[in-house]
């Protein structure tokens, strides 16, 4: 049975489907000795190489879909490498063998909060696709006097450079002088869309935090720069959301109620260690230019299919 090359490589953890398609268009991928073409179909035993390096092509049964929740700080870029050497979100993530973390969407450098990563490129691709209309919720601090007609416009829709846009929900939460806090909800993830919507009404966003993606909320107690792996039930919620089959394996125990607390404690310790190590290096910490790197690694143990419990 053959499958599309970009779908197989995305599922095997070599990037999102969009990233794979860009690699194919650039001539970076070869299949059985020839330059791959968009839409090409392959079989499981095909010899696939990216930039000359042979890559592992996996079928669905051999893959374990994993998802991380990461609390992104301001100042980090959502990119694998930055030519200017600025910190990226990938600096802190646990290392993987035979797979890689794929970001589900992006947050700009000045936005903090919830960012999901997965090893399944097909899952990432579907979660990001506008046709799925998955809700993203943000806490936003706006500078300026927000009037009723501004909120009416933002709910009804305004025209941006890349087309019409609107907030599905706007909920006022607090006021601090000329600053007002709102929770806003979108069903797409265009570049800087929240900021541009408010700017269309003459307002300036002074703080922006993503707090929810679908029904996955930013975990309380997860400090900035820390990550935690989602248990099997949460992974399968995301898979159901985009019509993917249920996952049967996990590296995280569902039945151990203390597992979540242990993950948060480990995350806090990892962030503290990375900050301490940087402070001791003799250089001044500057969150706008650099980022400490976590030394935490991905669990080496094998996943178990029994009640979603890991084998340890």
Protein backbone atom coordinates (compact mmCIF):
# COMPACT_ATOMS: atom_id res chain seq x y z
CA UNK A 1 0.00 0.00 0.00
CA UNK A 2 1.34 3.41 -0.95
CA UNK A 3 0.92 6.72 0.88
CA UNK A 4 1.80 10.31 0.07
CA UNK A 5 5.41 11.10 0.89
CA UNK A 6 4.65 14.24 2.92
CA UNK A 7 2.07 12.36 5.02
CA UNK A 8 4.48 9.49 5.80
CA UNK A 9 7.37 11.81 6.70
CA UNK A 10 5.12 14.00 8.85
CA UNK A 11 3.78 10.98 10.72
CA UNK A 12 7.36 9.73 11.19
CA UNK A 13 8.28 12.96 12.99
CA UNK A 14 10.40 14.69 10.32
CA UNK A 15 8.34 17.87 10.34
CA UNK A 16 4.79 19.10 9.84
CA UNK A 17 3.19 18.31 6.50
CA UNK A 18 3.68 21.93 5.44
CA UNK A 19 7.39 21.80 6.34
CA UNK A 20 7.80 18.54 4.40
CA UNK A 21 6.08 20.03 1.35
CA UNK A 22 8.50 22.97 1.46
CA UNK A 23 11.45 20.54 1.60
CA UNK A 24 10.09 18.63 -1.41
CA UNK A 25 9.55 21.85 -3.39
CA UNK A 26 13.17 22.87 -2.61
CA UNK A 27 14.51 19.55 -3.93
CA UNK A 28 15.89 18.52 -0.53
CA UNK A 29 14.23 15.09 -0.50
CA UNK A 30 15.13 12.09 -2.69
CA UNK A 31 13.25 8.81 -2.99
CA UNK A 32 15.04 5.72 -4.35
CA UNK A 33 17.69 7.93 -5.93
CA UNK A 34 15.48 10.51 -7.66
CA UNK A 35 14.36 13.98 -6.52
CA UNK A 36 10.94 13.69 -4.91
CA UNK A 37 7.93 15.47 -6.35
CA UNK A 38 4.92 16.96 -4.54
CA UNK A 39 2.17 14.38 -4.30
CA UNK A 40 4.55 11.44 -4.80
CA UNK A 41 3.47 8.18 -3.18
CA UNK A 42 5.84 5.70 -1.57
CA UNK A 43 5.81 2.26 0.00
CA UNK A 44 7.22 1.39 3.41
CA UNK A 45 10.53 -0.01 2.10
CA UNK A 46 11.38 3.10 0.03
CA UNK A 47 14.85 4.65 0.46
CA UNK A 48 14.09 8.22 1.57
CA UNK A 49 16.82 10.82 2.13
CA UNK A 50 16.59 14.40 3.39
CA UNK A 51 19.60 16.55 2.50
CA UNK A 52 21.45 13.34 1.64
CA UNK A 53 20.81 11.65 4.98
CA UNK A 54 18.70 8.51 5.05
CA UNK A 55 15.69 8.87 7.32
CA UNK A 56 13.56 6.31 9.09
CA UNK A 57 10.09 5.91 7.64
CA UNK A 58 7.63 4.47 10.16
CA UNK A 59 4.16 3.04 9.82
CA UNK A 60 1.31 4.09 12.09
CA UNK A 61 1.58 1.05 14.35
CA UNK A 62 5.23 1.70 15.25
CA UNK A 63 4.75 5.36 16.22
CA UNK A 64 3.95 6.59 19.73
CA UNK A 65 2.23 9.95 19.51
CA UNK A 66 3.55 12.23 22.25
CA UNK A 67 2.45 15.75 23.14
CA UNK A 68 4.20 18.32 25.33
CA UNK A 69 2.72 21.39 26.97
CA UNK A 70 5.31 24.19 27.12
CA UNK A 71 5.01 27.51 28.96
CA UNK A 72 6.73 29.88 26.54
CA UNK A 73 8.35 33.00 28.02
CA UNK A 74 8.53 36.29 26.18
CA UNK A 75 11.77 36.65 24.23
CA UNK A 76 11.92 33.12 22.78
CA UNK A 77 11.45 32.44 19.07
CA UNK A 78 9.38 29.55 17.72
CA UNK A 79 12.05 28.34 15.31
CA UNK A 80 14.66 25.59 15.42
CA UNK A 81 17.64 27.85 14.76
CA UNK A 82 18.07 31.60 14.73
CA UNK A 83 20.88 33.14 12.62
CA UNK A 84 21.32 35.84 15.28
CA UNK A 85 21.73 33.29 18.08
CA UNK A 86 18.61 34.33 19.95
CA UNK A 87 16.94 31.78 22.27
CA UNK A 88 14.35 29.45 20.78
CA UNK A 89 11.63 27.33 22.32
CA UNK A 90 13.47 24.18 21.18
CA UNK A 91 16.46 24.99 23.43
CA UNK A 92 14.63 23.71 26.50
CA UNK A 93 12.73 20.69 25.17
CA UNK A 94 13.75 17.10 26.03
CA UNK A 95 15.94 15.35 23.48
CA UNK A 96 14.46 12.61 21.30
CA UNK A 97 15.96 9.72 19.35
CA UNK A 98 14.38 8.78 16.04
CA UNK A 99 11.81 11.59 16.17
CA UNK A 100 11.58 15.32 16.78
CA UNK A 101 9.26 17.82 18.40
CA UNK A 102 6.97 19.75 16.06
CA UNK A 103 5.35 22.97 17.24
CA UNK A 104 1.57 23.20 16.91
CA UNK A 105 1.37 26.71 15.52
CA UNK A 106 3.45 29.65 16.66
CA UNK A 107 3.56 32.46 19.19
CA UNK A 108 5.45 35.63 18.32
CA UNK A 109 8.55 36.61 20.26
CA UNK A 110 6.65 38.99 22.57
CA UNK A 111 3.83 36.55 23.36
CA UNK A 112 4.01 34.04 26.20
CA UNK A 113 1.88 31.14 27.36
CA UNK A 114 0.70 27.77 26.11
CA UNK A 115 2.53 26.14 23.21
CA UNK A 116 1.95 22.51 22.27
CA UNK A 117 4.54 20.20 20.68
CA UNK A 118 4.02 16.73 19.25
CA UNK A 119 6.05 13.97 17.61
CA UNK A 120 3.22 13.36 15.11
CA UNK A 121 3.43 15.73 12.15
CA UNK A 122 -0.01 14.75 10.88
CA UNK A 123 -1.55 15.66 14.25
CA UNK A 124 0.28 19.02 14.22
CA UNK A 125 -0.85 19.72 10.65
CA UNK A 126 -4.52 19.01 11.39
CA UNK A 127 -4.54 20.99 14.66
CA UNK A 128 -3.16 24.03 12.83
CA UNK A 129 -5.43 23.83 9.78
CA UNK A 130 -7.96 26.71 9.66
CA UNK A 131 -10.78 24.38 8.54
CA UNK A 132 -10.77 22.72 11.99
CA UNK A 133 -11.69 26.02 13.71
CA UNK A 134 -10.06 24.99 16.98
CA UNK A 135 -10.40 27.66 19.68
CA UNK A 136 -7.37 29.53 20.97
CA UNK A 137 -7.92 31.64 24.09
CA UNK A 138 -5.66 34.52 25.13
CA UNK A 139 -5.38 36.80 28.15
CA UNK A 140 -4.64 40.23 26.71
CA UNK A 141 -3.81 43.53 28.39
CA UNK A 142 -4.85 46.50 26.28
CA UNK A 143 -3.63 50.07 26.71
CA UNK A 144 -6.29 52.64 25.93
CA UNK A 145 -9.94 53.32 26.63
CA UNK A 146 -12.00 50.46 25.24
CA UNK A 147 -15.53 51.55 24.39
CA UNK A 148 -18.65 49.53 23.61
CA UNK A 149 -18.41 50.21 19.87
CA UNK A 150 -14.83 48.88 19.82
CA UNK A 151 -15.99 45.57 21.28
CA UNK A 152 -18.92 45.50 18.87
CA UNK A 153 -16.54 45.90 15.92
CA UNK A 154 -14.16 43.22 17.18
CA UNK A 155 -16.97 40.72 17.68
CA UNK A 156 -18.66 41.55 14.38
CA UNK A 157 -15.51 41.49 12.29
CA UNK A 158 -12.97 43.94 10.88
CA UNK A 159 -10.93 43.88 7.68
CA UNK A 160 -7.22 43.18 8.06
CA UNK A 161 -4.53 43.09 5.38
CA UNK A 162 -4.99 39.33 4.95
CA UNK A 163 -8.78 39.30 5.07
CA UNK A 164 -11.63 39.75 7.56
CA UNK A 165 -11.14 38.65 11.18
CA UNK A 166 -13.02 38.75 14.46
CA UNK A 167 -13.01 37.51 18.02
CA UNK A 168 -15.46 34.72 18.74
CA UNK A 169 -15.61 35.83 22.39
CA UNK A 170 -14.41 38.87 24.36
CA UNK A 171 -14.69 38.80 28.15
CA UNK A 172 -13.51 41.79 30.27
CA UNK A 173 -11.66 40.58 33.38
CA UNK A 174 -9.89 43.47 35.14
CA UNK A 175 -8.75 47.08 34.84
CA UNK A 176 -5.49 48.73 35.93
CA UNK A 177 -5.70 52.46 35.20
CA UNK A 178 -5.47 52.86 31.42
CA UNK A 179 -4.75 49.13 31.07
CA UNK A 180 -7.65 46.71 30.75
CA UNK A 181 -7.49 42.91 30.74
CA UNK A 182 -9.68 40.76 28.49
CA UNK A 183 -9.94 37.09 27.61
CA UNK A 184 -10.40 36.73 23.85
CA UNK A 185 -11.06 33.63 21.74
CA UNK A 186 -10.16 32.94 18.11
CA UNK A 187 -10.68 29.92 15.89
CA UNK A 188 -7.62 30.44 13.69
CA UNK A 189 -3.98 31.31 14.15
CA UNK A 190 -2.93 33.98 11.66
CA UNK A 191 0.27 35.93 12.25
CA UNK A 192 -0.14 38.49 15.08
CA UNK A 193 -3.91 38.33 14.65
CA UNK A 194 -4.84 39.26 18.22
CA UNK A 195 -2.56 42.30 18.19
CA UNK A 196 -3.70 43.41 14.75
CA UNK A 197 -7.38 43.15 15.70
CA UNK A 198 -6.90 45.46 18.67
CA UNK A 199 -4.68 47.81 16.63
CA UNK A 200 -7.51 48.14 14.10
CA UNK A 201 -9.44 49.92 16.88
CA UNK A 202 -6.53 52.18 17.82
CA UNK A 203 -5.54 50.10 20.87
CA UNK A 204 -2.11 48.81 21.85
CA UNK A 205 -1.59 45.33 23.27
CA UNK A 206 0.92 45.57 26.14
CA UNK A 207 0.73 41.91 27.26
CA UNK A 208 -0.44 38.76 25.51
CA UNK A 209 -0.63 35.25 26.99
CA UNK A 210 -2.14 32.17 25.37
CA UNK A 211 -4.00 30.21 28.05
CA UNK A 212 -5.94 27.55 26.10
CA UNK A 213 -5.79 25.51 22.89
CA UNK A 214 -9.04 23.60 22.31
CA UNK A 215 -9.86 22.24 25.77
CA UNK A 216 -6.19 22.01 26.79
CA UNK A 217 -5.48 24.74 29.33
CA UNK A 218 -2.12 26.06 30.47
CA UNK A 219 -1.39 24.05 33.61
CA UNK A 220 -1.37 26.05 36.84
CA UNK A 221 2.04 25.75 38.45
CA UNK A 222 3.90 25.21 35.17
CA UNK A 223 6.51 27.96 35.34
CA UNK A 224 7.75 29.86 32.29
CA UNK A 225 10.38 27.89 30.39
CA UNK A 226 9.10 24.55 31.70
CA UNK A 227 7.32 21.68 29.95
CA UNK A 228 5.25 18.68 30.90
CA UNK A 229 4.08 15.71 28.84
CA UNK A 230 0.36 15.18 28.38
CA UNK A 231 -1.16 11.86 29.49
CA UNK A 232 -2.87 9.49 27.10
CA UNK A 233 -6.40 10.79 27.66
CA UNK A 234 -5.33 14.34 26.73
CA UNK A 235 -3.40 13.09 23.68
CA UNK A 236 -6.46 11.17 22.52
CA UNK A 237 -8.68 14.22 23.08
CA UNK A 238 -6.51 16.13 20.58
CA UNK A 239 -6.56 13.21 18.16
CA UNK A 240 -10.35 12.92 18.34
CA UNK A 241 -10.60 16.66 17.73
CA UNK A 242 -9.03 16.22 14.28
CA UNK A 243 -10.40 12.75 13.37
CA UNK A 244 -7.24 10.73 13.97
CA UNK A 245 -7.35 7.20 15.40
CA UNK A 246 -6.94 6.62 19.12
CA UNK A 247 -3.41 6.22 20.50
CA UNK A 248 -2.84 3.12 22.65
CA UNK A 249 0.57 3.87 24.19
CA UNK A 250 2.00 6.57 26.41
CA UNK A 251 5.11 7.49 28.38
CA UNK A 252 2.92 9.08 31.06
CA UNK A 253 0.79 7.24 33.59
CA UNK A 254 -2.94 8.02 33.56
CA UNK A 255 -3.72 6.13 36.74
CA UNK A 256 -1.09 7.69 38.98
CA UNK A 257 -2.79 10.84 40.31
CA UNK A 258 0.50 12.18 41.65
CA UNK A 259 2.25 12.02 38.27
CA UNK A 260 1.14 15.53 37.27
CA UNK A 261 2.49 17.05 40.49
CA UNK A 262 5.79 15.23 40.04
CA UNK A 263 6.09 16.55 36.50
CA UNK A 264 5.51 20.12 37.69
CA UNK A 265 8.09 19.72 40.46
CA UNK A 266 10.66 18.33 38.00
CA UNK A 267 9.93 21.18 35.61
CA UNK A 268 10.46 23.84 38.28
CA UNK A 269 13.74 22.23 39.34
CA UNK A 270 14.96 22.07 35.74
CA UNK A 271 14.23 25.75 35.16
CA UNK A 272 15.93 26.73 38.44
CA UNK A 273 19.02 24.66 37.54
CA UNK A 274 19.29 26.22 34.11
CA UNK A 275 19.02 29.74 35.55
CA UNK A 276 21.58 28.95 38.26
CA UNK A 277 24.02 27.54 35.72
CA UNK A 278 23.73 30.63 33.56
CA UNK A 279 24.17 33.00 36.49
CA UNK A 280 27.31 31.13 37.50
CA UNK A 281 28.87 31.38 34.05
CA UNK A 282 29.94 34.96 34.65
CA UNK A 283 27.59 36.48 32.08
CA UNK A 284 24.66 38.68 32.96
CA UNK A 285 21.31 37.08 32.33
CA UNK A 286 19.21 38.98 29.79
CA UNK A 287 15.88 37.38 28.95
CA UNK A 288 15.52 39.50 25.84
CA UNK A 289 18.73 38.17 24.28
CA UNK A 290 19.45 34.76 25.66
CA UNK A 291 17.84 31.79 27.29
CA UNK A 292 19.13 29.15 29.69
CA UNK A 293 18.99 25.62 28.35
CA UNK A 294 17.39 22.81 30.25
CA UNK A 295 19.37 19.58 30.51
CA UNK A 296 16.30 17.46 31.10
CA UNK A 297 16.00 14.53 28.71
CA UNK A 298 13.14 12.50 27.32
CA UNK A 299 12.36 9.31 29.22
CA UNK A 300 14.34 6.35 27.84
CA UNK A 301 11.86 3.76 29.08
CA UNK A 302 9.51 1.91 26.77
CA UNK A 303 5.83 2.85 26.70
CA UNK A 304 3.20 0.46 27.93
CA UNK A 305 -0.26 -0.22 26.58
CA UNK A 306 -1.74 -1.28 29.93
CA UNK A 307 -4.12 1.41 31.19
CA UNK A 308 -1.88 4.00 29.66
CA UNK A 309 0.70 3.34 32.43
CA UNK A 310 4.40 3.65 31.72
CA UNK A 311 6.53 0.62 32.42
CA UNK A 312 8.45 2.15 35.29
